[in-house]
Amino acid sequence: MFREWVDKFGAAITVMDCEGNILDMNEAACNALSGGRSMIGENLMKCHQQASIDKMTDMMKNDHANVYTIEKNGIKKMIYQAPWYKDNGGIGGLVEISMVIPFEMPHYVRKPQN
């Protein structure tokens, strides 16, 4: 059951360990990367520039997320990268979620109800 919803989720999800090795990817992530599921076990640090490696290292060292949007081939995506945690509370690596979003979309400010 768990794997089914993850694989069919409408965004690409990639999980890596603290050394940059890909631990898992859902179906959308496999479809987005050349090599697909065979990329599991490969090291992401090998295919990123130093600035990206520094950013990933900083996210794990200082326990924070990195969120931004990109546009490629007329498609806009939101990228959300954040640490994931082991059972003992320590950082186990990073998760990246990449989802297609509309160029224009509503933004709501929710006020707490008293």
PDB file of N, CA and C in Angstrom:
ATOM      1  N   MET A   1       0.825  -1.207   0.000  1.00  0.00           N
ATOM      2  CA  MET A   1       0.000   0.000   0.000  1.00  0.00           C
ATOM      3  C   MET A   1       0.858   1.255   0.000  1.00  0.00           C
ATOM      4  N   PHE A   2       1.847   1.304   0.902  1.00  0.00           N
ATOM      5  CA  PHE A   2       2.671   2.513   0.988  1.00  0.00           C
ATOM      6  C   PHE A   2       3.365   2.787  -0.336  1.00  0.00           C
ATOM      7  N   ARG A   3       3.997   1.806  -0.907  1.00  0.00           N
ATOM      8  CA  ARG A   3       4.737   1.995  -2.152  1.00  0.00           C
ATOM      9  C   ARG A   3       3.808   2.438  -3.271  1.00  0.00           C
ATOM     10  N   GLU A   4       2.584   1.895  -3.305  1.00  0.00           N
ATOM     11  CA  GLU A   4       1.649   2.224  -4.377  1.00  0.00           C
ATOM     12  C   GLU A   4       1.334   3.720  -4.404  1.00  0.00           C
ATOM     13  N   TRP A   5       1.014   4.325  -3.260  1.00  0.00           N
ATOM     14  CA  TRP A   5       0.661   5.748  -3.282  1.00  0.00           C
ATOM     15  C   TRP A   5       1.885   6.589  -3.607  1.00  0.00           C
ATOM     16  N   VAL A   6       3.043   6.186  -3.136  1.00  0.00           N
ATOM     17  CA  VAL A   6       4.264   6.949  -3.415  1.00  0.00           C
ATOM     18  C   VAL A   6       4.566   6.912  -4.908  1.00  0.00           C
ATOM     19  N   ASP A   7       4.457   5.732  -5.507  1.00  0.00           N
ATOM     20  CA  ASP A   7       4.752   5.615  -6.936  1.00  0.00           C
ATOM     21  C   ASP A   7       3.753   6.362  -7.797  1.00  0.00           C
ATOM     22  N   LYS A   8       2.506   6.433  -7.379  1.00  0.00           N
ATOM     23  CA  LYS A   8       1.464   7.079  -8.189  1.00  0.00           C
ATOM     24  C   LYS A   8       1.240   8.541  -7.816  1.00  0.00           C
ATOM     25  N   PHE A   9       1.998   9.046  -6.841  1.00  0.00           N
ATOM     26  CA  PHE A   9       1.879  10.443  -6.424  1.00  0.00           C
ATOM     27  C   PHE A   9       2.260  11.352  -7.586  1.00  0.00           C
ATOM     28  N   GLY A  10       1.605  12.493  -7.726  1.00  0.00           N
ATOM     29  CA  GLY A  10       1.780  13.379  -8.870  1.00  0.00           C
ATOM     30  C   GLY A  10       3.001  14.278  -8.824  1.00  0.00           C
ATOM     31  N   ALA A  11       4.053  13.837  -8.172  1.00  0.00           N
ATOM     32  CA  ALA A  11       5.304  14.602  -8.124  1.00  0.00           C
ATOM     33  C   ALA A  11       6.458  13.615  -8.052  1.00  0.00           C
ATOM     34  N   ALA A  12       7.620  14.055  -8.516  1.00  0.00           N
ATOM     35  CA  ALA A  12       8.817  13.215  -8.451  1.00  0.00           C
ATOM     36  C   ALA A  12       9.420  13.311  -7.053  1.00  0.00           C
ATOM     37  N   ILE A  13       9.684  12.145  -6.440  1.00  0.00           N
ATOM     38  CA  ILE A  13      10.269  12.101  -5.107  1.00  0.00           C
ATOM     39  C   ILE A  13      11.563  11.291  -5.177  1.00  0.00           C
ATOM     40  N   THR A  14      12.652  11.909  -4.726  1.00  0.00           N
ATOM     41  CA  THR A  14      13.951  11.243  -4.672  1.00  0.00           C
ATOM     42  C   THR A  14      14.477  11.350  -3.256  1.00  0.00           C
ATOM     43  N   VAL A  15      14.994  10.243  -2.733  1.00  0.00           N
ATOM     44  CA  VAL A  15      15.540  10.203  -1.380  1.00  0.00           C
ATOM     45  C   VAL A  15      17.011   9.831  -1.470  1.00  0.00           C
ATOM     46  N   MET A  16      17.854  10.617  -0.783  1.00  0.00           N
ATOM     47  CA  MET A  16      19.289  10.309  -0.759  1.00  0.00           C
ATOM     48  C   MET A  16      19.785  10.255   0.676  1.00  0.00           C
ATOM     49  N   ASP A  17      20.916   9.572   0.871  1.00  0.00           N
ATOM     50  CA  ASP A  17      21.526   9.534   2.197  1.00  0.00           C
ATOM     51  C   ASP A  17      22.478  10.723   2.355  1.00  0.00           C
ATOM     52  N   CYS A  18      23.145  10.808   3.486  1.00  0.00           N
ATOM     53  CA  CYS A  18      24.014  11.960   3.779  1.00  0.00           C
ATOM     54  C   CYS A  18      25.236  12.036   2.874  1.00  0.00           C
ATOM     55  N   GLU A  19      25.594  10.933   2.234  1.00  0.00           N
ATOM     56  CA  GLU A  19      26.734  10.933   1.318  1.00  0.00           C
ATOM     57  C   GLU A  19      26.328  11.264  -0.117  1.00  0.00           C
ATOM     58  N   GLY A  20      25.012  11.358  -0.351  1.00  0.00           N
ATOM     59  CA  GLY A  20      24.520  11.698  -1.680  1.00  0.00           C
ATOM     60  C   GLY A  20      24.076  10.505  -2.502  1.00  0.00           C
ATOM     61  N   ASN A  21      24.085   9.306  -1.914  1.00  0.00           N
ATOM     62  CA  ASN A  21      23.649   8.113  -2.636  1.00  0.00           C
ATOM     63  C   ASN A  21      22.121   8.065  -2.703  1.00  0.00           C
ATOM     64  N   ILE A  22      21.593   7.785  -3.890  1.00  0.00           N
ATOM     65  CA  ILE A  22      20.148   7.682  -4.052  1.00  0.00           C
ATOM     66  C   ILE A  22      19.680   6.393  -3.387  1.00  0.00           C
ATOM     67  N   LEU A  23      18.776   6.536  -2.409  1.00  0.00           N
ATOM     68  CA  LEU A  23      18.212   5.391  -1.689  1.00  0.00           C
ATOM     69  C   LEU A  23      16.934   4.894  -2.337  1.00  0.00           C
ATOM     70  N   ASP A  24      16.129   5.833  -2.863  1.00  0.00           N
ATOM     71  CA  ASP A  24      14.850   5.450  -3.452  1.00  0.00           C
ATOM     72  C   ASP A  24      14.339   6.586  -4.327  1.00  0.00           C
ATOM     73  N   MET A  25      13.486   6.204  -5.263  1.00  0.00           N
ATOM     74  CA  MET A  25      12.839   7.159  -6.166  1.00  0.00           C
ATOM     75  C   MET A  25      11.467   6.607  -6.496  1.00  0.00           C
ATOM     76  N   ASN A  26      10.489   7.497  -6.614  1.00  0.00           N
ATOM     77  CA  ASN A  26       9.183   7.016  -7.052  1.00  0.00           C
ATOM     78  C   ASN A  26       9.148   6.966  -8.575  1.00  0.00           C
ATOM     79  N   GLU A  27       8.028   6.516  -9.103  1.00  0.00           N
ATOM     80  CA  GLU A  27       7.888   6.333 -10.549  1.00  0.00           C
ATOM     81  C   GLU A  27       8.158   7.623 -11.327  1.00  0.00           C
ATOM     82  N   ALA A  28       7.613   8.746 -10.856  1.00  0.00           N
ATOM     83  CA  ALA A  28       7.798  10.026 -11.561  1.00  0.00           C
ATOM     84  C   ALA A  28       9.270  10.443 -11.581  1.00  0.00           C
ATOM     85  N   ALA A  29       9.980  10.216 -10.486  1.00  0.00           N
ATOM     86  CA  ALA A  29      11.412  10.550 -10.441  1.00  0.00           C
ATOM     87  C   ALA A  29      12.194   9.652 -11.398  1.00  0.00           C
ATOM     88  N   CYS A  30      11.844   8.374 -11.436  1.00  0.00           N
ATOM     89  CA  CYS A  30      12.507   7.448 -12.361  1.00  0.00           C
ATOM     90  C   CYS A  30      12.289   7.875 -13.809  1.00  0.00           C
ATOM     91  N   ASN A  31      11.074   8.322 -14.113  1.00  0.00           N
ATOM     92  CA  ASN A  31      10.760   8.760 -15.473  1.00  0.00           C
ATOM     93  C   ASN A  31      11.469  10.063 -15.834  1.00  0.00           C
ATOM     94  N   ALA A  32      11.791  10.873 -14.831  1.00  0.00           N
ATOM     95  CA  ALA A  32      12.419  12.169 -15.079  1.00  0.00           C
ATOM     96  C   ALA A  32      13.928  12.061 -15.286  1.00  0.00           C
ATOM     97  N   LEU A  33      14.531  11.014 -14.759  1.00  0.00           N
ATOM     98  CA  LEU A  33      15.983  10.865 -14.854  1.00  0.00           C
ATOM     99  C   LEU A  33      16.350   9.820 -15.892  1.00  0.00           C
ATOM    100  N   SER A  34      17.323  10.160 -16.748  1.00  0.00           N
ATOM    101  CA  SER A  34      17.811   9.124 -17.649  1.00  0.00           C
ATOM    102  C   SER A  34      18.505   8.076 -16.783  1.00  0.00           C
ATOM    103  N   GLY A  35      18.216   6.844 -17.035  1.00  0.00           N
ATOM    104  CA  GLY A  35      18.730   5.775 -16.193  1.00  0.00           C
ATOM    105  C   GLY A  35      17.661   5.209 -15.299  1.00  0.00           C
ATOM    106  N   GLY A  36      16.599   5.994 -15.045  1.00  0.00           N
ATOM    107  CA  GLY A  36      15.469   5.520 -14.260  1.00  0.00           C
ATOM    108  C   GLY A  36      15.851   4.865 -12.956  1.00  0.00           C
ATOM    109  N   ARG A  37      15.187   3.750 -12.645  1.00  0.00           N
ATOM    110  CA  ARG A  37      15.384   3.058 -11.374  1.00  0.00           C
ATOM    111  C   ARG A  37      16.821   2.563 -11.206  1.00  0.00           C
ATOM    112  N   SER A  38      17.562   2.408 -12.288  1.00  0.00           N
ATOM    113  CA  SER A  38      18.962   1.968 -12.176  1.00  0.00           C
ATOM    114  C   SER A  38      19.830   3.026 -11.494  1.00  0.00           C
ATOM    115  N   MET A  39      19.292   4.233 -11.325  1.00  0.00           N
ATOM    116  CA  MET A  39      20.040   5.302 -10.642  1.00  0.00           C
ATOM    117  C   MET A  39      20.080   5.078  -9.125  1.00  0.00           C
ATOM    118  N   ILE A  40      19.202   4.217  -8.588  1.00  0.00           N
ATOM    119  CA  ILE A  40      19.235   3.927  -7.161  1.00  0.00           C
ATOM    120  C   ILE A  40      20.592   3.306  -6.835  1.00  0.00           C
ATOM    121  N   GLY A  41      21.236   3.878  -5.833  1.00  0.00           N
ATOM    122  CA  GLY A  41      22.583   3.458  -5.461  1.00  0.00           C
ATOM    123  C   GLY A  41      23.664   4.360  -6.024  1.00  0.00           C
ATOM    124  N   GLU A  42      23.321   5.128  -7.054  1.00  0.00           N
ATOM    125  CA  GLU A  42      24.286   6.071  -7.634  1.00  0.00           C
ATOM    126  C   GLU A  42      24.425   7.289  -6.733  1.00  0.00           C
ATOM    127  N   ASN A  43      25.515   8.017  -6.882  1.00  0.00           N
ATOM    128  CA  ASN A  43      25.782   9.176  -6.044  1.00  0.00           C
ATOM    129  C   ASN A  43      25.421  10.456  -6.792  1.00  0.00           C
ATOM    130  N   LEU A  44      24.492  11.235  -6.207  1.00  0.00           N
ATOM    131  CA  LEU A  44      24.057  12.501  -6.814  1.00  0.00           C
ATOM    132  C   LEU A  44      25.162  13.541  -6.849  1.00  0.00           C
ATOM    133  N   MET A  45      26.110  13.448  -5.942  1.00  0.00           N
ATOM    134  CA  MET A  45      27.182  14.442  -5.872  1.00  0.00           C
ATOM    135  C   MET A  45      28.038  14.414  -7.146  1.00  0.00           C
ATOM    136  N   LYS A  46      28.077  13.273  -7.825  1.00  0.00           N
ATOM    137  CA  LYS A  46      28.887  13.129  -9.036  1.00  0.00           C
ATOM    138  C   LYS A  46      28.315  13.911 -10.213  1.00  0.00           C
ATOM    139  N   CYS A  47      27.000  14.158 -10.196  1.00  0.00           N
ATOM    140  CA  CYS A  47      26.373  14.809 -11.354  1.00  0.00           C
ATOM    141  C   CYS A  47      25.879  16.223 -11.041  1.00  0.00           C
ATOM    142  N   HIS A  48      26.356  16.803  -9.940  1.00  0.00           N
ATOM    143  CA  HIS A  48      25.988  18.168  -9.587  1.00  0.00           C
ATOM    144  C   HIS A  48      27.231  19.047  -9.513  1.00  0.00           C
ATOM    145  N   GLN A  49      27.024  20.322  -9.782  1.00  0.00           N
ATOM    146  CA  GLN A  49      28.121  21.281  -9.662  1.00  0.00           C
ATOM    147  C   GLN A  49      28.397  21.561  -8.192  1.00  0.00           C
ATOM    148  N   GLN A  50      29.572  22.114  -7.920  1.00  0.00           N
ATOM    149  CA  GLN A  50      30.007  22.342  -6.542  1.00  0.00           C
ATOM    150  C   GLN A  50      29.027  23.211  -5.760  1.00  0.00           C
ATOM    151  N   ALA A  51      28.430  24.211  -6.402  1.00  0.00           N
ATOM    152  CA  ALA A  51      27.471  25.077  -5.703  1.00  0.00           C
ATOM    153  C   ALA A  51      26.279  24.264  -5.191  1.00  0.00           C
ATOM    154  N   SER A  52      25.802  23.304  -5.986  1.00  0.00           N
ATOM    155  CA  SER A  52      24.688  22.452  -5.559  1.00  0.00           C
ATOM    156  C   SER A  52      25.119  21.516  -4.433  1.00  0.00           C
ATOM    157  N   ILE A  53      26.313  20.973  -4.525  1.00  0.00           N
ATOM    158  CA  ILE A  53      26.837  20.097  -3.475  1.00  0.00           C
ATOM    159  C   ILE A  53      26.946  20.872  -2.168  1.00  0.00           C
ATOM    160  N   ASP A  54      27.454  22.098  -2.254  1.00  0.00           N
ATOM    161  CA  ASP A  54      27.578  22.942  -1.060  1.00  0.00           C
ATOM    162  C   ASP A  54      26.211  23.206  -0.433  1.00  0.00           C
ATOM    163  N   LYS A  55      25.202  23.438  -1.284  1.00  0.00           N
ATOM    164  CA  LYS A  55      23.851  23.709  -0.789  1.00  0.00           C
ATOM    165  C   LYS A  55      23.274  22.478  -0.096  1.00  0.00           C
ATOM    166  N   MET A  56      23.459  21.292  -0.704  1.00  0.00           N
ATOM    167  CA  MET A  56      22.959  20.057  -0.097  1.00  0.00           C
ATOM    168  C   MET A  56      23.635  19.792   1.242  1.00  0.00           C
ATOM    169  N   THR A  57      24.950  19.998   1.282  1.00  0.00           N
ATOM    170  CA  THR A  57      25.706  19.793   2.519  1.00  0.00           C
ATOM    171  C   THR A  57      25.221  20.748   3.601  1.00  0.00           C
ATOM    172  N   ASP A  58      24.976  22.002   3.231  1.00  0.00           N
ATOM    173  CA  ASP A  58      24.500  23.003   4.188  1.00  0.00           C
ATOM    174  C   ASP A  58      23.112  22.644   4.733  1.00  0.00           C
ATOM    175  N   MET A  59      22.228  22.134   3.864  1.00  0.00           N
ATOM    176  CA  MET A  59      20.886  21.752   4.319  1.00  0.00           C
ATOM    177  C   MET A  59      20.962  20.665   5.387  1.00  0.00           C
ATOM    178  N   MET A  60      21.872  19.723   5.188  1.00  0.00           N
ATOM    179  CA  MET A  60      21.989  18.632   6.159  1.00  0.00           C
ATOM    180  C   MET A  60      22.721  19.094   7.423  1.00  0.00           C
ATOM    181  N   LYS A  61      23.722  19.916   7.252  1.00  0.00           N
ATOM    182  CA  LYS A  61      24.496  20.389   8.413  1.00  0.00           C
ATOM    183  C   LYS A  61      23.664  21.318   9.287  1.00  0.00           C
ATOM    184  N   ASN A  62      22.904  22.208   8.664  1.00  0.00           N
ATOM    185  CA  ASN A  62      22.160  23.228   9.398  1.00  0.00           C
ATOM    186  C   ASN A  62      20.655  22.961   9.462  1.00  0.00           C
ATOM    187  N   ASP A  63      20.229  21.785   9.024  1.00  0.00           N
ATOM    188  CA  ASP A  63      18.852  21.330   9.167  1.00  0.00           C
ATOM    189  C   ASP A  63      17.821  22.337   8.649  1.00  0.00           C
ATOM    190  N   HIS A  64      17.880  22.600   7.345  1.00  0.00           N
ATOM    191  CA  HIS A  64      16.900  23.509   6.747  1.00  0.00           C
ATOM    192  C   HIS A  64      16.533  23.059   5.334  1.00  0.00           C
ATOM    193  N   ALA A  65      15.414  23.565   4.852  1.00  0.00           N
ATOM    194  CA  ALA A  65      14.912  23.235   3.518  1.00  0.00           C
ATOM    195  C   ALA A  65      15.413  24.242   2.493  1.00  0.00           C
ATOM    196  N   ASN A  66      15.325  23.852   1.233  1.00  0.00           N
ATOM    197  CA  ASN A  66      15.628  24.705   0.101  1.00  0.00           C
ATOM    198  C   ASN A  66      14.437  24.595  -0.845  1.00  0.00           C
ATOM    199  N   VAL A  67      13.754  25.717  -1.093  1.00  0.00           N
ATOM    200  CA  VAL A  67      12.542  25.702  -1.906  1.00  0.00           C
ATOM    201  C   VAL A  67      12.662  26.763  -2.989  1.00  0.00           C
ATOM    202  N   TYR A  68      12.372  26.364  -4.235  1.00  0.00           N
ATOM    203  CA  TYR A  68      12.457  27.314  -5.337  1.00  0.00           C
ATOM    204  C   TYR A  68      11.630  26.806  -6.509  1.00  0.00           C
ATOM    205  N   THR A  69      11.441  27.654  -7.513  1.00  0.00           N
ATOM    206  CA  THR A  69      10.743  27.242  -8.729  1.00  0.00           C
ATOM    207  C   THR A  69      11.711  27.316  -9.898  1.00  0.00           C
ATOM    208  N   ILE A  70      11.421  26.501 -10.919  1.00  0.00           N
ATOM    209  CA  ILE A  70      12.198  26.516 -12.153  1.00  0.00           C
ATOM    210  C   ILE A  70      11.220  26.500 -13.331  1.00  0.00           C
ATOM    211  N   GLU A  71      11.713  26.881 -14.485  1.00  0.00           N
ATOM    212  CA  GLU A  71      10.966  26.741 -15.728  1.00  0.00           C
ATOM    213  C   GLU A  71      11.867  26.066 -16.738  1.00  0.00           C
ATOM    214  N   LYS A  72      11.360  25.015 -17.349  1.00  0.00           N
ATOM    215  CA  LYS A  72      12.132  24.279 -18.348  1.00  0.00           C
ATOM    216  C   LYS A  72      11.170  23.761 -19.402  1.00  0.00           C
ATOM    217  N   ASN A  73      11.461  24.038 -20.655  1.00  0.00           N
ATOM    218  CA  ASN A  73      10.628  23.585 -21.775  1.00  0.00           C
ATOM    219  C   ASN A  73       9.170  24.001 -21.621  1.00  0.00           C
ATOM    220  N   GLY A  74       8.941  25.221 -21.117  1.00  0.00           N
ATOM    221  CA  GLY A  74       7.593  25.745 -20.982  1.00  0.00           C
ATOM    222  C   GLY A  74       6.809  25.171 -19.808  1.00  0.00           C
ATOM    223  N   ILE A  75       7.482  24.457 -18.913  1.00  0.00           N
ATOM    224  CA  ILE A  75       6.832  23.867 -17.745  1.00  0.00           C
ATOM    225  C   ILE A  75       7.449  24.468 -16.488  1.00  0.00           C
ATOM    226  N   LYS A  76       6.591  24.878 -15.562  1.00  0.00           N
ATOM    227  CA  LYS A  76       7.056  25.450 -14.299  1.00  0.00           C
ATOM    228  C   LYS A  76       6.948  24.385 -13.215  1.00  0.00           C
ATOM    229  N   LYS A  77       8.001  24.279 -12.403  1.00  0.00           N
ATOM    230  CA  LYS A  77       8.015  23.303 -11.317  1.00  0.00           C
ATOM    231  C   LYS A  77       8.447  23.966 -10.024  1.00  0.00           C
ATOM    232  N   MET A  78       7.920  23.436  -8.917  1.00  0.00           N
ATOM    233  CA  MET A  78       8.405  23.816  -7.607  1.00  0.00           C
ATOM    234  C   MET A  78       9.289  22.678  -7.116  1.00  0.00           C
ATOM    235  N   ILE A  79      10.464  23.033  -6.628  1.00  0.00           N
ATOM    236  CA  ILE A  79      11.401  22.064  -6.073  1.00  0.00           C
ATOM    237  C   ILE A  79      11.458  22.291  -4.566  1.00  0.00           C
ATOM    238  N   TYR A  80      11.222  21.232  -3.815  1.00  0.00           N
ATOM    239  CA  TYR A  80      11.275  21.282  -2.356  1.00  0.00           C
ATOM    240  C   TYR A  80      12.289  20.237  -1.904  1.00  0.00           C
ATOM    241  N   GLN A  81      13.365  20.697  -1.308  1.00  0.00           N
ATOM    242  CA  GLN A  81      14.412  19.810  -0.805  1.00  0.00           C
ATOM    243  C   GLN A  81      14.529  20.028   0.700  1.00  0.00           C
ATOM    244  N   ALA A  82      14.543  18.925   1.446  1.00  0.00           N
ATOM    245  CA  ALA A  82      14.613  19.046   2.899  1.00  0.00           C
ATOM    246  C   ALA A  82      15.223  17.779   3.496  1.00  0.00           C
ATOM    247  N   PRO A  83      15.811  17.912   4.684  1.00  0.00           N
ATOM    248  CA  PRO A  83      16.350  16.728   5.360  1.00  0.00           C
ATOM    249  C   PRO A  83      15.238  15.759   5.759  1.00  0.00           C
ATOM    250  N   TRP A  84      15.593  14.476   5.805  1.00  0.00           N
ATOM    251  CA  TRP A  84      14.724  13.470   6.412  1.00  0.00           C
ATOM    252  C   TRP A  84      15.473  12.944   7.638  1.00  0.00           C
ATOM    253  N   TYR A  85      14.708  12.342   8.545  1.00  0.00           N
ATOM    254  CA  TYR A  85      15.281  11.998   9.856  1.00  0.00           C
ATOM    255  C   TYR A  85      15.196  10.509  10.140  1.00  0.00           C
ATOM    256  N   LYS A  86      16.230   9.980  10.740  1.00  0.00           N
ATOM    257  CA  LYS A  86      16.272   8.585  11.188  1.00  0.00           C
ATOM    258  C   LYS A  86      15.441   8.449  12.463  1.00  0.00           C
ATOM    259  N   ASP A  87      15.179   7.215  12.854  1.00  0.00           N
ATOM    260  CA  ASP A  87      14.415   6.957  14.079  1.00  0.00           C
ATOM    261  C   ASP A  87      15.054   7.595  15.304  1.00  0.00           C
ATOM    262  N   ASN A  88      16.395   7.698  15.317  1.00  0.00           N
ATOM    263  CA  ASN A  88      17.087   8.291  16.471  1.00  0.00           C
ATOM    264  C   ASN A  88      17.079   9.820  16.444  1.00  0.00           C
ATOM    265  N   GLY A  89      16.433  10.411  15.417  1.00  0.00           N
ATOM    266  CA  GLY A  89      16.340  11.866  15.317  1.00  0.00           C
ATOM    267  C   GLY A  89      17.434  12.516  14.502  1.00  0.00           C
ATOM    268  N   GLY A  90      18.465  11.766  14.164  1.00  0.00           N
ATOM    269  CA  GLY A  90      19.548  12.319  13.353  1.00  0.00           C
ATOM    270  C   GLY A  90      19.149  12.445  11.893  1.00  0.00           C
ATOM    271  N   ILE A  91      19.791  13.354  11.185  1.00  0.00           N
ATOM    272  CA  ILE A  91      19.502  13.549   9.758  1.00  0.00           C
ATOM    273  C   ILE A  91      20.037  12.358   8.976  1.00  0.00           C
ATOM    274  N   GLY A  92      19.159  11.782   8.151  1.00  0.00           N
ATOM    275  CA  GLY A  92      19.526  10.617   7.352  1.00  0.00           C
ATOM    276  C   GLY A  92      19.917  10.967   5.929  1.00  0.00           C
ATOM    277  N   GLY A  93      19.608  12.193   5.497  1.00  0.00           N
ATOM    278  CA  GLY A  93      19.889  12.618   4.126  1.00  0.00           C
ATOM    279  C   GLY A  93      18.879  13.667   3.702  1.00  0.00           C
ATOM    280  N   LEU A  94      18.604  13.711   2.415  1.00  0.00           N
ATOM    281  CA  LEU A  94      17.673  14.696   1.861  1.00  0.00           C
ATOM    282  C   LEU A  94      16.591  14.017   1.033  1.00  0.00           C
ATOM    283  N   VAL A  95      15.428  14.663   1.002  1.00  0.00           N
ATOM    284  CA  VAL A  95      14.335  14.287   0.105  1.00  0.00           C
ATOM    285  C   VAL A  95      14.119  15.460  -0.840  1.00  0.00           C
ATOM    286  N   GLU A  96      13.953  15.155  -2.118  1.00  0.00           N
ATOM    287  CA  GLU A  96      13.600  16.194  -3.087  1.00  0.00           C
ATOM    288  C   GLU A  96      12.254  15.841  -3.692  1.00  0.00           C
ATOM    289  N   ILE A  97      11.340  16.817  -3.662  1.00  0.00           N
ATOM    290  CA  ILE A  97      10.034  16.675  -4.305  1.00  0.00           C
ATOM    291  C   ILE A  97       9.969  17.723  -5.410  1.00  0.00           C
ATOM    292  N   SER A  98       9.712  17.267  -6.621  1.00  0.00           N
ATOM    293  CA  SER A  98       9.624  18.147  -7.780  1.00  0.00           C
ATOM    294  C   SER A  98       8.230  17.994  -8.372  1.00  0.00           C
ATOM    295  N   MET A  99       7.466  19.116  -8.379  1.00  0.00           N
ATOM    296  CA  MET A  99       6.099  19.032  -8.883  1.00  0.00           C
ATOM    297  C   MET A  99       5.803  20.141  -9.882  1.00  0.00           C
ATOM    298  N   VAL A 100       5.050  19.785 -10.899  1.00  0.00           N
ATOM    299  CA  VAL A 100       4.612  20.752 -11.896  1.00  0.00           C
ATOM    300  C   VAL A 100       3.566  21.644 -11.239  1.00  0.00           C
ATOM    301  N   ILE A 101       3.716  22.951 -11.451  1.00  0.00           N
ATOM    302  CA  ILE A 101       2.747  23.924 -10.927  1.00  0.00           C
ATOM    303  C   ILE A 101       2.352  24.882 -12.040  1.00  0.00           C
ATOM    304  N   PRO A 102       1.175  25.506 -11.938  1.00  0.00           N
ATOM    305  CA  PRO A 102       0.761  26.477 -12.955  1.00  0.00           C
ATOM    306  C   PRO A 102       1.586  27.762 -12.855  1.00  0.00           C
ATOM    307  N   PHE A 103       1.724  28.445 -13.974  1.00  0.00           N
ATOM    308  CA  PHE A 103       2.459  29.718 -13.970  1.00  0.00           C
ATOM    309  C   PHE A 103       1.751  30.749 -13.105  1.00  0.00           C
ATOM    310  N   GLU A 104       0.451  30.753 -13.170  1.00  0.00           N
ATOM    311  CA  GLU A 104      -0.345  31.648 -12.331  1.00  0.00           C
ATOM    312  C   GLU A 104      -1.218  30.775 -11.446  1.00  0.00           C
ATOM    313  N   MET A 105      -1.206  31.078 -10.156  1.00  0.00           N
ATOM    314  CA  MET A 105      -2.043  30.306  -9.247  1.00  0.00           C
ATOM    315  C   MET A 105      -2.441  31.163  -8.072  1.00  0.00           C
ATOM    316  N   PRO A 106      -3.571  30.856  -7.474  1.00  0.00           N
ATOM    317  CA  PRO A 106      -4.040  31.668  -6.352  1.00  0.00           C
ATOM    318  C   PRO A 106      -3.139  31.504  -5.133  1.00  0.00           C
ATOM    319  N   HIS A 107      -3.121  32.539  -4.331  1.00  0.00           N
ATOM    320  CA  HIS A 107      -2.402  32.518  -3.053  1.00  0.00           C
ATOM    321  C   HIS A 107      -3.388  32.984  -1.989  1.00  0.00           C
ATOM    322  N   TYR A 108      -3.548  32.215  -0.936  1.00  0.00           N
ATOM    323  CA  TYR A 108      -4.505  32.535   0.110  1.00  0.00           C
ATOM    324  C   TYR A 108      -3.774  32.786   1.425  1.00  0.00           C
ATOM    325  N   VAL A 109      -4.218  33.769   2.134  1.00  0.00           N
ATOM    326  CA  VAL A 109      -3.715  34.036   3.482  1.00  0.00           C
ATOM    327  C   VAL A 109      -4.804  33.584   4.443  1.00  0.00           C
ATOM    328  N   ARG A 110      -4.497  32.590   5.220  1.00  0.00           N
ATOM    329  CA  ARG A 110      -5.469  32.046   6.172  1.00  0.00           C
ATOM    330  C   ARG A 110      -5.238  32.683   7.536  1.00  0.00           C
ATOM    331  N   LYS A 111      -6.311  33.164   8.129  1.00  0.00           N
ATOM    332  CA  LYS A 111      -6.213  33.769   9.460  1.00  0.00           C
ATOM    333  C   LYS A 111      -6.711  32.760  10.477  1.00  0.00           C
ATOM    334  N   PRO A 112      -5.992  32.612  11.588  1.00  0.00           N
ATOM    335  CA  PRO A 112      -6.447  31.671  12.613  1.00  0.00           C
ATOM    336  C   PRO A 112      -7.792  32.090  13.179  1.00  0.00           C
ATOM    337  N   GLN A 113      -8.613  31.100  13.450  1.00  0.00           N
ATOM    338  CA  GLN A 113      -9.902  31.369  14.080  1.00  0.00           C
ATOM    339  C   GLN A 113      -9.705  31.357  15.591  1.00  0.00           C
ATOM    340  N   ASN A 114     -10.309  32.315  16.266  1.00  0.00           N
ATOM    341  CA  ASN A 114     -10.164  32.399  17.735  1.00  0.00           C
ATOM    342  C   ASN A 114     -11.018  31.408  18.440  1.00  0.00           C
TER     343      ASN A 114
END
